[in-house]
């Protein structure tokens, strides 16, 4: 498969740790949005119908199904999962250690 201009652009920008962190975070929000929309559609519900079951508005359901939205509360996700008869799974993983820059000095408790 031929590399596109976008592939090259993304590859270059992913070398920047801050960009890579934001890109990964956006991907996670996208995953949540897609999962919610897919479960709702499999249940045969419109956003308005799901909102009624959850006790919220259609606009709120639309918001949590948006890949740009990062304001998910655990409480709201539980309510949506319950309304969709789904299991909510939240998992935290330890982050890999951040590489130190070459000019950064190691800290020592003895020097304090």
Protein backbone atom coordinates (compact mmCIF):
# COMPACT_ATOMS: atom_id res chain seq x y z
CA UNK A 1 0.00 0.00 0.00
CA UNK A 2 1.33 3.42 -0.97
CA UNK A 3 2.01 5.94 1.79
CA UNK A 4 -0.20 9.02 1.44
CA UNK A 5 0.73 12.61 2.29
CA UNK A 6 -1.42 12.29 5.39
CA UNK A 7 0.42 9.11 6.44
CA UNK A 8 3.73 10.97 6.16
CA UNK A 9 2.32 13.99 8.01
CA UNK A 10 0.98 11.82 10.82
CA UNK A 11 4.17 9.79 11.08
CA UNK A 12 6.21 12.99 11.42
CA UNK A 13 3.90 14.51 14.01
CA UNK A 14 3.65 11.34 16.09
CA UNK A 15 7.35 11.77 16.87
CA UNK A 16 6.35 14.74 19.03
CA UNK A 17 5.42 13.23 22.45
CA UNK A 18 2.76 15.89 23.17
CA UNK A 19 1.10 15.38 19.79
CA UNK A 20 1.24 11.60 20.23
CA UNK A 21 -0.39 11.90 23.68
CA UNK A 22 -3.21 14.10 22.35
CA UNK A 23 -3.68 11.83 19.32
CA UNK A 24 -3.99 8.74 21.54
CA UNK A 25 -6.43 10.52 23.84
CA UNK A 26 -8.61 11.55 20.89
CA UNK A 27 -8.63 7.95 19.68
CA UNK A 28 -9.93 6.79 23.06
CA UNK A 29 -12.76 9.33 22.99
CA UNK A 30 -13.58 8.14 19.46
CA UNK A 31 -13.72 4.53 20.72
CA UNK A 32 -16.19 5.43 23.49
CA UNK A 33 -18.40 7.36 21.08
CA UNK A 34 -18.47 4.51 18.54
CA UNK A 35 -19.19 1.89 21.19
CA UNK A 36 -22.12 3.87 22.61
CA UNK A 37 -23.64 4.54 19.21
CA UNK A 38 -23.20 0.92 18.14
CA UNK A 39 -24.84 -0.45 21.30
CA UNK A 40 -27.74 2.00 20.95
CA UNK A 41 -28.28 1.05 17.31
CA UNK A 42 -28.09 -2.70 18.09
CA UNK A 43 -30.77 -2.11 20.73
CA UNK A 44 -32.89 -0.53 17.98
CA UNK A 45 -33.14 2.78 19.81
CA UNK A 46 -32.97 6.34 18.58
CA UNK A 47 -31.03 8.88 20.58
CA UNK A 48 -34.35 10.28 21.79
CA UNK A 49 -35.56 6.85 22.95
CA UNK A 50 -32.31 6.15 24.78
CA UNK A 51 -32.45 9.59 26.38
CA UNK A 52 -35.94 8.81 27.69
CA UNK A 53 -34.72 5.52 29.20
CA UNK A 54 -31.71 7.24 30.78
CA UNK A 55 -33.68 10.24 32.01
CA UNK A 56 -31.77 12.83 30.04
CA UNK A 57 -32.09 14.73 26.76
CA UNK A 58 -31.45 13.65 23.19
CA UNK A 59 -28.82 16.41 23.05
CA UNK A 60 -26.90 14.80 25.93
CA UNK A 61 -26.96 11.41 24.17
CA UNK A 62 -25.75 13.10 20.98
CA UNK A 63 -22.97 14.78 22.98
CA UNK A 64 -21.70 11.55 24.55
CA UNK A 65 -21.76 9.85 21.14
CA UNK A 66 -19.57 12.63 19.71
CA UNK A 67 -15.88 11.74 19.24
CA UNK A 68 -14.97 15.29 20.31
CA UNK A 69 -16.66 14.97 23.71
CA UNK A 70 -14.43 14.23 26.70
CA UNK A 71 -16.81 15.09 29.55
CA UNK A 72 -18.09 11.56 30.15
CA UNK A 73 -18.96 11.04 33.79
CA UNK A 74 -18.84 7.57 35.25
CA UNK A 75 -22.36 8.11 36.56
CA UNK A 76 -23.75 8.92 33.10
CA UNK A 77 -21.91 6.03 31.46
CA UNK A 78 -23.39 3.68 34.07
CA UNK A 79 -26.89 5.00 33.40
CA UNK A 80 -26.46 4.56 29.64
CA UNK A 81 -24.99 1.07 30.09
CA UNK A 82 -27.91 0.09 32.33
CA UNK A 83 -30.43 1.42 29.80
CA UNK A 84 -28.71 -0.56 27.04
CA UNK A 85 -28.37 -3.67 29.23
CA UNK A 86 -24.62 -3.46 28.72
CA UNK A 87 -21.67 -3.93 31.05
CA UNK A 88 -19.52 -0.89 31.73
CA UNK A 89 -15.85 -1.77 32.10
CA UNK A 90 -13.35 0.88 33.19
CA UNK A 91 -9.69 -0.02 33.23
CA UNK A 92 -6.64 1.97 34.26
CA UNK A 93 -3.22 0.84 33.12
CA UNK A 94 0.11 2.07 34.37
CA UNK A 95 1.68 4.39 31.83
CA UNK A 96 5.08 3.47 30.43
CA UNK A 97 7.91 5.46 32.01
CA UNK A 98 8.58 8.77 30.30
CA UNK A 99 12.04 9.07 28.75
CA UNK A 100 14.22 11.70 30.41
CA UNK A 101 15.86 14.33 28.28
CA UNK A 102 19.65 14.19 28.05
CA UNK A 103 20.10 17.44 30.01
CA UNK A 104 17.81 16.36 32.87
CA UNK A 105 19.63 15.42 36.04
CA UNK A 106 18.37 12.47 38.09
CA UNK A 107 16.86 13.50 41.40
CA UNK A 108 18.13 12.00 44.57
CA UNK A 109 16.58 12.09 48.01
CA UNK A 110 20.08 12.35 49.49
CA UNK A 111 20.69 15.70 47.80
CA UNK A 112 17.58 17.28 49.36
